[in-house]
Amino acid sequence: MGIFSNPARDESGNELRRRRTDQIPFSIIASDMTVIGDLETEGVVRVEGRVKGAVRVGSQVLVAAGAVIEGDLHTQEAIIAGQVSGAIMARERVELHATAMVAGDIHTPRISIIEGARVTGEVKMDLGNAAEAAATSHNR
């Protein structure tokens, strides 16, 4: 019996249901890669290189330190440590790390900004409009 064979349980001993991460598509734009054109997926994207075009991701976008997106970003959740030149529309939340640089408006119901992050644009936290904007642009 391995140490990983026991399922996680809550305080009452009930087995916790986990989201199956093996079924969520995961893509990486490597640090030596440049994508020219729009990028669209339902899964998770980690950008370590450069994207020149709109990014539409159903689940989560991770922009690594040193990575660059030149275009609007539409997603459920965005975690930014690199640079985004364009609007960010997130249905759930945006997290800006200390190395993040955003040149564009941010539309999201929740945001976390670590000291050092830079935003040139407006932050709009209207729950209805952020969700609507992200959903509308994602369905194009």
Protein backbone atom coordinates (compact mmCIF):
# COMPACT_ATOMS: atom_id res chain seq x y z
CA MET A 1 0.00 0.00 0.00
CA GLY A 2 1.56 3.30 -1.14
CA ILE A 3 1.43 6.60 0.69
CA PHE A 4 -0.57 8.12 -2.16
CA SER A 5 -3.29 5.46 -2.24
CA ASN A 6 -5.38 6.93 0.59
CA PRO A 7 -7.87 9.53 -0.66
CA ALA A 8 -8.06 12.93 1.04
CA ARG A 9 -10.80 13.18 3.67
CA ASP A 10 -12.54 16.05 5.49
CA GLU A 11 -12.88 16.38 9.28
CA SER A 12 -15.85 13.97 9.31
CA GLY A 13 -13.92 11.29 7.42
CA ASN A 14 -15.82 11.79 4.16
CA GLU A 15 -13.76 11.41 1.00
CA LEU A 16 -13.13 14.73 -0.74
CA ARG A 17 -13.94 14.92 -4.42
CA ARG A 18 -11.14 16.36 -6.47
CA ARG A 19 -11.25 17.93 -9.87
CA ARG A 20 -9.48 15.65 -12.30
CA THR A 21 -6.54 17.68 -13.51
CA ASP A 22 -5.56 14.98 -16.01
CA GLN A 23 -8.63 15.93 -18.04
CA ILE A 24 -7.86 19.66 -18.25
CA PRO A 25 -5.77 20.48 -21.33
CA PHE A 26 -2.51 22.21 -20.40
CA SER A 27 -0.42 24.09 -22.95
CA ILE A 28 2.94 25.84 -22.64
CA ILE A 29 4.29 28.59 -24.85
CA ALA A 30 8.00 28.04 -24.21
CA SER A 31 10.44 30.86 -23.52
CA ASP A 32 12.00 30.57 -26.98
CA MET A 33 8.62 30.59 -28.76
CA THR A 34 6.65 33.42 -30.37
CA VAL A 35 3.03 32.87 -31.35
CA ILE A 36 1.73 35.34 -33.94
CA GLY A 37 -2.06 35.23 -34.11
CA ASP A 38 -4.91 34.53 -31.75
CA LEU A 39 -4.60 31.72 -29.21
CA GLU A 40 -7.69 29.84 -27.98
CA THR A 41 -8.22 26.84 -25.71
CA GLU A 42 -10.63 25.65 -23.02
CA GLY A 43 -7.86 24.50 -20.69
CA VAL A 44 -4.85 26.12 -19.02
CA VAL A 45 -2.06 28.01 -20.78
CA ARG A 46 1.33 28.92 -19.33
CA VAL A 47 3.05 31.61 -21.37
CA GLU A 48 6.81 31.77 -20.94
CA GLY A 49 7.53 33.28 -24.36
CA ARG A 50 5.66 35.85 -26.46
CA VAL A 51 2.14 35.96 -27.90
CA LYS A 52 1.17 38.63 -30.45
CA GLY A 53 -2.61 38.36 -30.65
CA ALA A 54 -5.70 37.84 -28.54
CA VAL A 55 -5.60 35.06 -25.94
CA ARG A 56 -8.87 33.29 -25.09
CA VAL A 57 -8.55 30.61 -22.44
CA GLY A 58 -11.48 28.87 -20.76
CA SER A 59 -9.79 28.05 -17.47
CA GLN A 60 -6.54 29.78 -16.51
CA VAL A 61 -3.70 31.80 -18.02
CA LEU A 62 -0.31 31.92 -16.31
CA VAL A 63 2.06 34.58 -17.66
CA ALA A 64 5.57 33.89 -16.37
CA ALA A 65 8.09 36.59 -15.47
CA GLY A 66 9.74 37.74 -18.69
CA ALA A 67 6.83 36.57 -20.86
CA VAL A 68 4.92 39.02 -23.06
CA ILE A 69 1.35 39.06 -24.38
CA GLU A 70 0.56 41.76 -26.94
CA GLY A 71 -3.21 41.55 -27.21
CA ASP A 72 -6.34 41.23 -25.13
CA LEU A 73 -6.61 38.41 -22.63
CA HIS A 74 -9.96 36.68 -21.93
CA THR A 75 -10.13 33.94 -19.31
CA GLN A 76 -11.64 32.67 -16.09
CA GLU A 77 -8.50 33.34 -14.05
CA ALA A 78 -5.29 35.20 -14.92
CA ILE A 79 -2.06 34.99 -12.94
CA ILE A 80 0.40 37.54 -14.29
CA ALA A 81 4.10 37.82 -13.49
CA GLY A 82 5.13 39.04 -16.96
CA GLN A 83 3.89 41.75 -19.30
CA VAL A 84 0.45 42.17 -20.89
CA SER A 85 -0.17 44.96 -23.41
CA GLY A 86 -3.94 44.83 -23.81
CA ALA A 87 -7.09 44.48 -21.77
CA ILE A 88 -7.52 41.64 -19.29
CA MET A 89 -11.04 40.27 -18.87
CA ALA A 90 -11.35 37.56 -16.24
CA ARG A 91 -14.64 36.00 -15.16
CA GLU A 92 -13.33 35.11 -11.67
CA ARG A 93 -10.05 36.75 -10.69
CA VAL A 94 -6.76 38.36 -11.64
CA GLU A 95 -3.55 38.01 -9.66
CA LEU A 96 -0.66 40.39 -10.38
CA HIS A 97 2.75 39.44 -9.04
CA ALA A 98 5.47 41.97 -8.20
CA THR A 99 7.08 41.63 -11.66
CA ALA A 100 3.79 42.13 -13.55
CA MET A 101 3.34 45.00 -16.00
CA VAL A 102 -0.11 45.57 -17.51
CA ALA A 103 -0.76 48.27 -20.11
CA GLY A 104 -4.53 48.07 -20.49
CA ASP A 105 -7.76 47.93 -18.55
CA ILE A 106 -8.53 45.05 -16.19
CA HIS A 107 -12.13 43.80 -15.86
CA THR A 108 -12.65 41.25 -13.08
CA PRO A 109 -14.77 40.73 -9.98
CA ARG A 110 -11.69 39.98 -7.81
CA ILE A 111 -8.08 41.11 -7.99
CA SER A 112 -4.90 40.60 -6.01
CA ILE A 113 -1.99 42.97 -6.61
CA ILE A 114 1.40 42.31 -5.04
CA GLU A 115 3.52 45.37 -4.26
CA GLY A 116 5.71 46.22 -7.24
CA ALA A 117 3.20 45.28 -9.95
CA ARG A 118 2.45 48.06 -12.42
CA VAL A 119 -0.86 48.81 -14.12
CA THR A 120 -1.36 51.52 -16.73
CA GLY A 121 -5.11 51.49 -17.23
CA GLU A 122 -8.30 51.19 -15.25
CA VAL A 123 -9.26 48.38 -12.91
CA LYS A 124 -12.98 47.68 -13.12
CA MET A 125 -14.41 45.28 -10.59
CA ASP A 126 -18.08 45.18 -11.56
CA LEU A 127 -19.01 41.51 -11.20
CA GLY A 128 -21.70 41.49 -13.87
CA ASN A 129 -19.78 43.43 -16.51
CA ALA A 130 -16.51 41.51 -16.04
CA ALA A 131 -18.21 38.14 -16.39
CA GLU A 132 -20.27 39.32 -19.33
CA ALA A 133 -17.29 40.87 -21.14
CA ALA A 134 -15.15 37.75 -20.68
CA ALA A 135 -17.94 35.38 -21.71
CA THR A 136 -18.92 37.44 -24.76
CA SER A 137 -15.37 37.77 -26.02
CA HIS A 138 -14.59 34.10 -25.29
CA ASN A 139 -17.52 32.91 -27.42
CA ARG A 140 -16.38 34.76 -30.55
